[in-house]
């Protein structure tokens, strides 16, 4: 039987379902996989399924693995930022018409021929719920945190009533936003199945790279697989992207089968992976910080011989080794101190004030700019790709 030949773009798929490199992970509950937990949650009628986990950790891919493509209807929290009606969007995404007209015909009688009656209809909540239930559809609300607070609270109230009518829905959000409108709604207490996805460990990420390289015939050492996994910042999507670029580079020198991976190729792939990331404007925006109203900012002399203000230093500090997905304010302080070449201690109060200002700036911008979240004395990196860009993009030293 001839050996199956795989195409690079089919093996590593950062923007679509990874058919050949999907890795099923064990959850932390009774030796159940996340797929088994999601299947169990969806089987409970009248329950809302709530999935929390870091950005680009595979929450949506998990849903696509468990739920057939034709039965999964996806919307985003960002869809409701302009006050759009929740049920109208849910209906439209499922192929329903918002409004229209219909004609019904009555049977002919002895006294008259067949009669017709025209009437108009409008999409309503009950019609949408009925459509989803009859067609066994599940609504997936991705990036729930992108919706404004008031909208999230309104959606939570709508879902409470809908799930009681056997409407199937999944809400996806971030772990440090676990106190949002869904979790804090008392009416949903006892009627919600919560699945918290843990960060990917190195061995699971390595399995993605190793299985893909094996299918393509690429030879990679354990040391390089570990290096690639570490730089992927616990993101299965990012490691798919990196491995795809590794393959593209190796193809330049000949067939992939039998190609030997080197550190030089890996780091070149890291840099190339950032080529299509649209984060330069975001990085510059954060480095600039808020408008200073004509006041000159305090500059710090760095060990590299440059002069930086604290906003610039913060962005530089979050990008240095080791790569992490969050930093406490104390950890950030240590990183900042390692960058400056002065006998001065940057106070925690000063750092907090600057992070407060950055948080206010970010909240006013479009989702692309919401790459950081400052909450409860911890700085979270919402988008691993942005942090990867800072480490390996064109501005990387």
Protein backbone atom coordinates (compact mmCIF):
# COMPACT_ATOMS: atom_id res chain seq x y z
CA UNK A 1 0.00 0.00 0.00
CA UNK A 2 1.57 3.33 -1.04
CA UNK A 3 2.46 5.76 1.76
CA UNK A 4 0.16 8.75 2.05
CA UNK A 5 1.61 12.05 0.88
CA UNK A 6 0.72 15.15 2.89
CA UNK A 7 0.75 18.75 1.73
CA UNK A 8 2.39 21.32 4.00
CA UNK A 9 -0.60 23.69 3.90
CA UNK A 10 -2.92 20.84 4.91
CA UNK A 11 -0.79 19.69 7.83
CA UNK A 12 -0.18 23.04 9.50
CA UNK A 13 -3.33 25.19 9.42
CA UNK A 14 -3.15 28.24 11.74
CA UNK A 15 -6.41 29.73 10.44
CA UNK A 16 -8.59 26.64 10.09
CA UNK A 17 -9.34 23.35 11.80
CA UNK A 18 -6.13 21.28 12.18
CA UNK A 19 -7.35 17.99 10.72
CA UNK A 20 -3.90 16.32 10.71
CA UNK A 21 -2.37 17.89 13.83
CA UNK A 22 -5.27 18.12 16.26
CA UNK A 23 -4.18 17.23 19.79
CA UNK A 24 -6.76 16.08 22.35
CA UNK A 25 -5.82 17.17 25.87
CA UNK A 26 -6.74 15.67 29.21
CA UNK A 27 -8.63 18.07 31.44
CA UNK A 28 -8.10 18.23 35.18
CA UNK A 29 -11.34 16.40 35.95
CA UNK A 30 -11.59 12.62 36.40
CA UNK A 31 -9.34 11.76 33.45
CA UNK A 32 -11.83 13.31 31.02
CA UNK A 33 -10.67 15.01 27.85
CA UNK A 34 -11.96 18.48 27.06
CA UNK A 35 -13.91 16.97 24.17
CA UNK A 36 -15.69 14.59 26.55
CA UNK A 37 -16.50 17.41 28.94
CA UNK A 38 -17.96 19.55 26.17
CA UNK A 39 -20.05 16.65 24.86
CA UNK A 40 -21.37 16.04 28.39
CA UNK A 41 -22.19 19.72 28.89
CA UNK A 42 -24.08 20.01 25.61
CA UNK A 43 -26.16 16.93 26.41
CA UNK A 44 -27.79 18.70 29.37
CA UNK A 45 -30.92 20.46 28.13
CA UNK A 46 -31.58 23.80 29.77
CA UNK A 47 -27.89 24.40 30.55
CA UNK A 48 -25.59 27.12 29.22
CA UNK A 49 -22.05 26.02 28.38
CA UNK A 50 -19.37 28.50 29.42
CA UNK A 51 -15.80 27.99 28.15
CA UNK A 52 -12.99 30.12 29.57
CA UNK A 53 -9.34 30.11 28.58
CA UNK A 54 -6.49 32.31 27.39
CA UNK A 55 -6.63 33.86 23.94
CA UNK A 56 -5.80 31.53 21.02
CA UNK A 57 -5.68 28.50 23.29
CA UNK A 58 -8.05 26.46 21.12
CA UNK A 59 -11.48 27.21 22.60
CA UNK A 60 -13.18 27.63 19.22
CA UNK A 61 -11.29 24.69 17.70
CA UNK A 62 -12.55 22.52 20.58
CA UNK A 63 -16.13 23.44 19.70
CA UNK A 64 -15.52 22.67 16.02
CA UNK A 65 -14.09 19.29 16.97
CA UNK A 66 -17.16 18.30 18.99
CA UNK A 67 -20.01 19.95 17.08
CA UNK A 68 -20.68 19.21 13.39
CA UNK A 69 -19.95 22.16 11.12
CA UNK A 70 -23.55 22.43 9.91
CA UNK A 71 -24.85 22.58 13.50
CA UNK A 72 -22.50 25.29 14.84
CA UNK A 73 -23.51 28.94 14.40
CA UNK A 74 -20.83 31.45 15.42
CA UNK A 75 -21.07 35.11 16.44
CA UNK A 76 -18.60 37.38 18.23
CA UNK A 77 -18.98 39.70 21.18
CA UNK A 78 -17.66 42.42 18.88
CA UNK A 79 -20.81 42.01 16.74
CA UNK A 80 -22.82 43.65 19.50
CA UNK A 81 -20.61 46.69 20.10
CA UNK A 82 -22.96 48.97 18.14
CA UNK A 83 -26.09 47.96 19.99
CA UNK A 84 -27.14 45.35 17.42
CA UNK A 85 -30.05 43.19 18.47
CA UNK A 86 -28.88 39.87 19.84
CA UNK A 87 -31.65 37.73 18.38
CA UNK A 88 -31.51 39.41 14.99
CA UNK A 89 -27.81 38.57 14.65
CA UNK A 90 -28.31 35.02 15.96
CA UNK A 91 -31.11 34.49 13.45
CA UNK A 92 -29.25 36.00 10.51
CA UNK A 93 -26.19 33.86 11.17
CA UNK A 94 -28.44 30.80 11.06
CA UNK A 95 -29.77 31.84 7.64
CA UNK A 96 -33.06 33.31 8.81
CA UNK A 97 -34.57 36.39 7.14
CA UNK A 98 -35.01 39.41 9.36
CA UNK A 99 -38.37 40.22 7.85
CA UNK A 100 -40.42 39.43 4.77
CA UNK A 101 -43.81 38.48 3.43
CA UNK A 102 -45.62 35.23 2.88
CA UNK A 103 -48.75 34.09 1.09
CA UNK A 104 -51.07 31.39 2.35
CA UNK A 105 -53.81 29.73 0.32
CA UNK A 106 -57.13 28.43 1.57
CA UNK A 107 -58.96 25.44 0.10
CA UNK A 108 -61.70 26.26 -2.46
CA UNK A 109 -65.31 26.24 -1.24
CA UNK A 110 -68.62 25.65 -3.03
CA UNK A 111 -69.31 29.38 -3.04
CA UNK A 112 -65.95 30.74 -4.15
CA UNK A 113 -62.66 29.72 -5.63
CA UNK A 114 -59.37 29.43 -3.76
CA UNK A 115 -58.48 32.54 -1.75
CA UNK A 116 -55.05 33.83 -0.76
CA UNK A 117 -53.90 35.91 2.16
CA UNK A 118 -50.68 37.88 2.33
CA UNK A 119 -49.02 38.77 5.61
CA UNK A 120 -45.68 40.15 6.83
CA UNK A 121 -43.49 38.54 9.42
CA UNK A 122 -40.61 39.83 11.54
CA UNK A 123 -37.79 37.92 13.15
CA UNK A 124 -38.44 37.53 16.86
CA UNK A 125 -36.71 35.89 19.79
CA UNK A 126 -39.19 33.01 19.91
CA UNK A 127 -38.84 32.37 16.18
CA UNK A 128 -35.05 32.18 16.50
CA UNK A 129 -35.21 29.86 19.51
CA UNK A 130 -37.68 27.62 17.71
CA UNK A 131 -35.49 27.53 14.58
CA UNK A 132 -32.39 26.56 16.55
CA UNK A 133 -34.26 23.89 18.52
CA UNK A 134 -35.92 22.29 15.49
CA UNK A 135 -32.69 22.22 13.50
CA UNK A 136 -30.51 21.11 16.43
CA UNK A 137 -28.26 24.16 16.17
CA UNK A 138 -25.86 25.50 18.78
CA UNK A 139 -25.00 29.20 19.04
CA UNK A 140 -21.35 29.93 19.82
CA UNK A 141 -20.70 33.42 21.22
CA UNK A 142 -16.95 33.87 20.80
CA UNK A 143 -14.88 36.65 22.42
CA UNK A 144 -17.76 37.53 24.74
CA UNK A 145 -15.50 40.04 26.53
CA UNK A 146 -15.47 42.26 23.41
CA UNK A 147 -19.11 43.22 23.94
CA UNK A 148 -19.73 46.31 26.13
CA UNK A 149 -20.55 45.58 29.78
CA UNK A 150 -24.20 46.61 29.47
CA UNK A 151 -24.61 44.44 26.38
CA UNK A 152 -23.05 41.43 28.10
CA UNK A 153 -25.50 41.82 30.98
CA UNK A 154 -28.44 42.05 28.56
CA UNK A 155 -27.28 38.95 26.66
CA UNK A 156 -26.92 37.03 29.91
CA UNK A 157 -30.57 37.83 30.75
CA UNK A 158 -31.67 36.77 27.27
CA UNK A 159 -29.80 33.48 27.48
CA UNK A 160 -31.26 32.67 30.89
CA UNK A 161 -34.74 32.60 29.39
CA UNK A 162 -33.65 30.94 26.14
CA UNK A 163 -31.89 27.93 27.65
CA UNK A 164 -35.04 27.23 29.61
CA UNK A 165 -36.67 26.67 26.21
CA UNK A 166 -33.89 24.21 25.23
CA UNK A 167 -31.89 26.76 23.25
CA UNK A 168 -28.32 25.43 22.95
CA UNK A 169 -25.59 28.04 23.47
CA UNK A 170 -21.89 28.28 24.28
CA UNK A 171 -20.22 31.43 25.59
CA UNK A 172 -16.43 31.83 25.27
CA UNK A 173 -14.49 34.32 27.37
CA UNK A 174 -11.15 34.93 29.10
CA UNK A 175 -10.23 33.39 32.47
CA UNK A 176 -9.47 36.65 34.26
CA UNK A 177 -12.87 37.90 33.12
CA UNK A 178 -14.60 35.04 34.91
CA UNK A 179 -16.52 37.58 37.02
CA UNK A 180 -18.32 38.93 33.95
CA UNK A 181 -22.04 39.10 33.31
CA UNK A 182 -22.44 35.36 32.77
CA UNK A 183 -20.78 34.11 35.94
CA UNK A 184 -22.21 36.88 38.10
CA UNK A 185 -25.81 36.41 36.94
CA UNK A 186 -27.66 34.69 39.83
CA UNK A 187 -30.39 33.43 37.48
CA UNK A 188 -27.79 31.26 35.70
CA UNK A 189 -26.51 29.73 38.93
CA UNK A 190 -26.98 25.97 38.80
CA UNK A 191 -27.83 26.11 35.10
CA UNK A 192 -24.36 26.48 33.66
CA UNK A 193 -21.61 24.03 32.77
CA UNK A 194 -18.21 25.73 33.02
CA UNK A 195 -15.15 24.36 31.21
CA UNK A 196 -11.89 26.12 32.09
CA UNK A 197 -9.15 25.31 29.60
CA UNK A 198 -5.72 25.18 31.18
CA UNK A 199 -2.74 26.67 29.33
CA UNK A 200 -1.04 24.29 26.92
CA UNK A 201 2.07 22.67 28.31
CA UNK A 202 5.23 22.20 26.29
CA UNK A 203 4.71 18.49 25.68
CA UNK A 204 1.25 19.02 24.14
CA UNK A 205 2.54 21.83 21.93
CA UNK A 206 5.51 19.69 20.94
CA UNK A 207 3.08 16.96 19.87
CA UNK A 208 1.58 19.36 17.30
CA UNK A 209 4.97 20.15 15.79
CA UNK A 210 6.33 16.61 16.06
CA UNK A 211 3.29 14.92 14.49
CA UNK A 212 3.20 17.43 11.64
CA UNK A 213 6.91 17.18 10.93
CA UNK A 214 6.64 13.38 11.01
CA UNK A 215 3.89 13.41 8.38
CA UNK A 216 5.97 15.69 6.17
CA UNK A 217 9.22 13.78 6.71
CA UNK A 218 11.02 16.68 8.43
CA UNK A 219 13.67 15.68 10.96
CA UNK A 220 13.74 17.84 14.11
CA UNK A 221 15.63 17.37 17.37
CA UNK A 222 13.90 17.39 20.75
CA UNK A 223 15.83 20.54 21.64
CA UNK A 224 14.44 22.43 18.64
CA UNK A 225 10.91 21.13 19.22
CA UNK A 226 11.15 22.42 22.79
CA UNK A 227 12.43 25.79 21.57
CA UNK A 228 9.58 26.18 19.08
CA UNK A 229 7.02 25.20 21.72
CA UNK A 230 8.39 27.64 24.30
CA UNK A 231 8.23 30.55 21.87
CA UNK A 232 4.64 29.64 20.94
CA UNK A 233 3.46 31.16 24.23
CA UNK A 234 1.00 28.34 25.05
CA UNK A 235 -0.86 28.98 21.77
CA UNK A 236 -1.61 26.01 19.47
CA UNK A 237 -2.54 28.47 16.73
CA UNK A 238 0.82 30.22 16.94
CA UNK A 239 2.81 26.99 16.78
CA UNK A 240 0.83 26.00 13.69
CA UNK A 241 1.83 29.30 12.10
CA UNK A 242 5.49 28.90 13.04
CA UNK A 243 5.68 25.33 11.74
CA UNK A 244 4.03 26.35 8.47
CA UNK A 245 6.74 28.97 7.95
CA UNK A 246 9.43 26.44 8.85
CA UNK A 247 8.09 24.19 6.10
CA UNK A 248 7.99 27.03 3.58
CA UNK A 249 11.64 27.84 4.29
CA UNK A 250 12.75 24.21 4.03
CA UNK A 251 10.91 23.79 0.71
CA UNK A 252 13.23 26.35 -0.86
CA UNK A 253 16.14 23.93 -0.58
CA UNK A 254 14.34 20.87 -1.85
CA UNK A 255 11.74 18.26 -0.84
CA UNK A 256 10.48 18.35 2.74
CA UNK A 257 10.90 14.61 3.15
CA UNK A 258 14.29 14.07 4.74
CA UNK A 259 14.91 17.78 5.41
CA UNK A 260 16.82 18.46 8.65
CA UNK A 261 15.70 21.35 10.84
CA UNK A 262 18.33 23.75 12.22
CA UNK A 263 18.18 26.52 14.81
CA UNK A 264 18.96 29.04 12.06
CA UNK A 265 15.88 27.96 10.11
CA UNK A 266 13.74 28.02 13.26
CA UNK A 267 14.69 31.59 14.16
CA UNK A 268 14.30 32.72 10.57
CA UNK A 269 10.79 31.19 10.66
CA UNK A 270 10.08 33.08 13.90
CA UNK A 271 10.88 36.36 12.16
CA UNK A 272 8.94 35.45 9.02
CA UNK A 273 5.90 34.48 11.08
CA UNK A 274 5.56 38.11 12.16
CA UNK A 275 5.63 39.41 8.57
CA UNK A 276 1.84 39.43 8.21
CA UNK A 277 1.04 40.39 11.80
CA UNK A 278 -0.54 43.84 11.90
CA UNK A 279 0.94 44.91 15.21
CA UNK A 280 3.49 47.61 14.35
CA UNK A 281 0.88 50.34 14.75
CA UNK A 282 -0.35 48.76 17.98
CA UNK A 283 3.16 48.56 19.42
CA UNK A 284 3.92 52.18 18.50
CA UNK A 285 0.58 53.26 19.95
CA UNK A 286 1.39 51.65 23.30
CA UNK A 287 4.96 52.94 23.36
CA UNK A 288 3.69 56.45 22.79
CA UNK A 289 1.21 56.25 25.65
CA UNK A 290 -1.38 58.95 26.34
CA UNK A 291 -1.07 62.54 25.23
CA UNK A 292 1.36 64.25 27.63
CA UNK A 293 -0.26 67.71 27.42
CA UNK A 294 3.06 69.37 26.70
CA UNK A 295 4.79 67.96 29.79
CA UNK A 296 8.15 66.31 29.29
CA UNK A 297 8.23 62.71 30.45
CA UNK A 298 10.87 61.25 32.72
CA UNK A 299 13.52 59.45 30.66
CA UNK A 300 15.59 56.51 31.91
CA UNK A 301 19.04 55.57 30.69
CA UNK A 302 19.05 51.93 29.61
CA UNK A 303 21.80 49.33 29.78
CA UNK A 304 21.81 49.39 25.96
CA UNK A 305 22.82 53.06 26.03
CA UNK A 306 19.45 54.45 24.95
CA UNK A 307 17.01 56.77 26.67
CA UNK A 308 13.43 55.58 27.22
CA UNK A 309 10.34 56.79 29.03
CA UNK A 310 8.35 54.35 31.16
CA UNK A 311 5.77 53.54 28.48
CA UNK A 312 8.53 52.52 26.09
CA UNK A 313 10.24 50.52 28.83
CA UNK A 314 7.06 48.65 29.72
CA UNK A 315 6.64 47.41 26.16
CA UNK A 316 10.31 46.44 26.04
CA UNK A 317 10.10 44.69 29.42
CA UNK A 318 7.17 42.44 28.55
CA UNK A 319 9.07 41.15 25.51
CA UNK A 320 12.26 39.98 27.23
CA UNK A 321 13.02 36.43 28.39
CA UNK A 322 11.43 34.31 29.59
CA UNK A 323 8.28 34.51 27.42
CA UNK A 324 5.17 34.48 29.62
CA UNK A 325 1.46 35.17 29.17
CA UNK A 326 1.02 37.40 32.24
CA UNK A 327 3.07 39.44 34.71
CA UNK A 328 2.31 40.67 38.21
CA UNK A 329 3.22 44.27 38.86
CA UNK A 330 6.14 43.09 41.01
CA UNK A 331 7.44 40.85 38.22
CA UNK A 332 7.14 43.71 35.76
CA UNK A 333 9.05 45.95 38.17
CA UNK A 334 11.96 43.47 38.22
CA UNK A 335 12.05 43.39 34.44
CA UNK A 336 12.03 47.16 34.24
CA UNK A 337 14.89 47.41 36.73
CA UNK A 338 16.92 44.98 34.63
CA UNK A 339 16.62 47.31 31.64
CA UNK A 340 17.74 50.59 33.19
CA UNK A 341 21.29 51.61 33.97
CA UNK A 342 20.59 53.99 36.84
CA UNK A 343 20.72 53.79 40.62
CA UNK A 344 17.03 54.40 40.92
CA UNK A 345 14.08 52.18 41.79
CA UNK A 346 10.93 52.55 39.72
CA UNK A 347 8.12 52.63 42.26
CA UNK A 348 5.18 50.23 42.03
CA UNK A 349 2.80 53.18 42.32
CA UNK A 350 4.35 54.77 39.23
CA UNK A 351 4.09 51.53 37.27
CA UNK A 352 0.44 51.08 38.28
CA UNK A 353 -0.38 54.63 37.16
CA UNK A 354 1.17 54.05 33.74
CA UNK A 355 -0.66 50.74 33.33
CA UNK A 356 -3.94 52.43 34.32
CA UNK A 357 -3.37 54.95 31.54
CA UNK A 358 -2.59 52.23 29.00
CA UNK A 359 -5.72 50.32 30.00
CA UNK A 360 -7.86 53.42 29.46
CA UNK A 361 -6.30 53.98 26.03
CA UNK A 362 -6.83 50.39 24.93
CA UNK A 363 -10.48 50.27 25.95
CA UNK A 364 -11.26 53.11 23.55
CA UNK A 365 -9.74 51.33 20.57
CA UNK A 366 -10.86 48.62 18.16
CA UNK A 367 -10.34 44.94 19.18
CA UNK A 368 -6.98 44.72 17.36
CA UNK A 369 -5.52 47.14 19.90
CA UNK A 370 -6.85 45.27 22.95
CA UNK A 371 -3.75 43.15 23.34
CA UNK A 372 -3.19 43.85 27.03
CA UNK A 373 -5.44 43.80 30.07
CA UNK A 374 -4.46 45.33 33.40
CA UNK A 375 -6.57 43.87 36.20
CA UNK A 376 -6.07 43.12 39.91
CA UNK A 377 -2.38 44.08 39.89
CA UNK A 378 -1.63 41.72 37.01
CA UNK A 379 -0.89 42.50 33.38
CA UNK A 380 -2.37 39.90 31.01
CA UNK A 381 -1.25 39.47 27.42
CA UNK A 382 -4.52 38.79 25.60
CA UNK A 383 -2.96 38.03 22.25
CA UNK A 384 0.06 35.69 22.15
CA UNK A 385 0.72 36.79 18.58
CA UNK A 386 1.29 40.37 19.73
CA UNK A 387 3.82 39.30 22.35
CA UNK A 388 5.48 37.07 19.75
CA UNK A 389 5.65 40.08 17.42
CA UNK A 390 7.41 42.11 20.10
CA UNK A 391 9.95 39.31 20.57
CA UNK A 392 10.61 38.52 16.90
CA UNK A 393 9.16 41.32 14.77
CA UNK A 394 11.11 43.96 12.82
CA UNK A 395 11.57 46.08 15.95
CA UNK A 396 13.24 43.17 17.77
CA UNK A 397 16.90 43.78 18.51
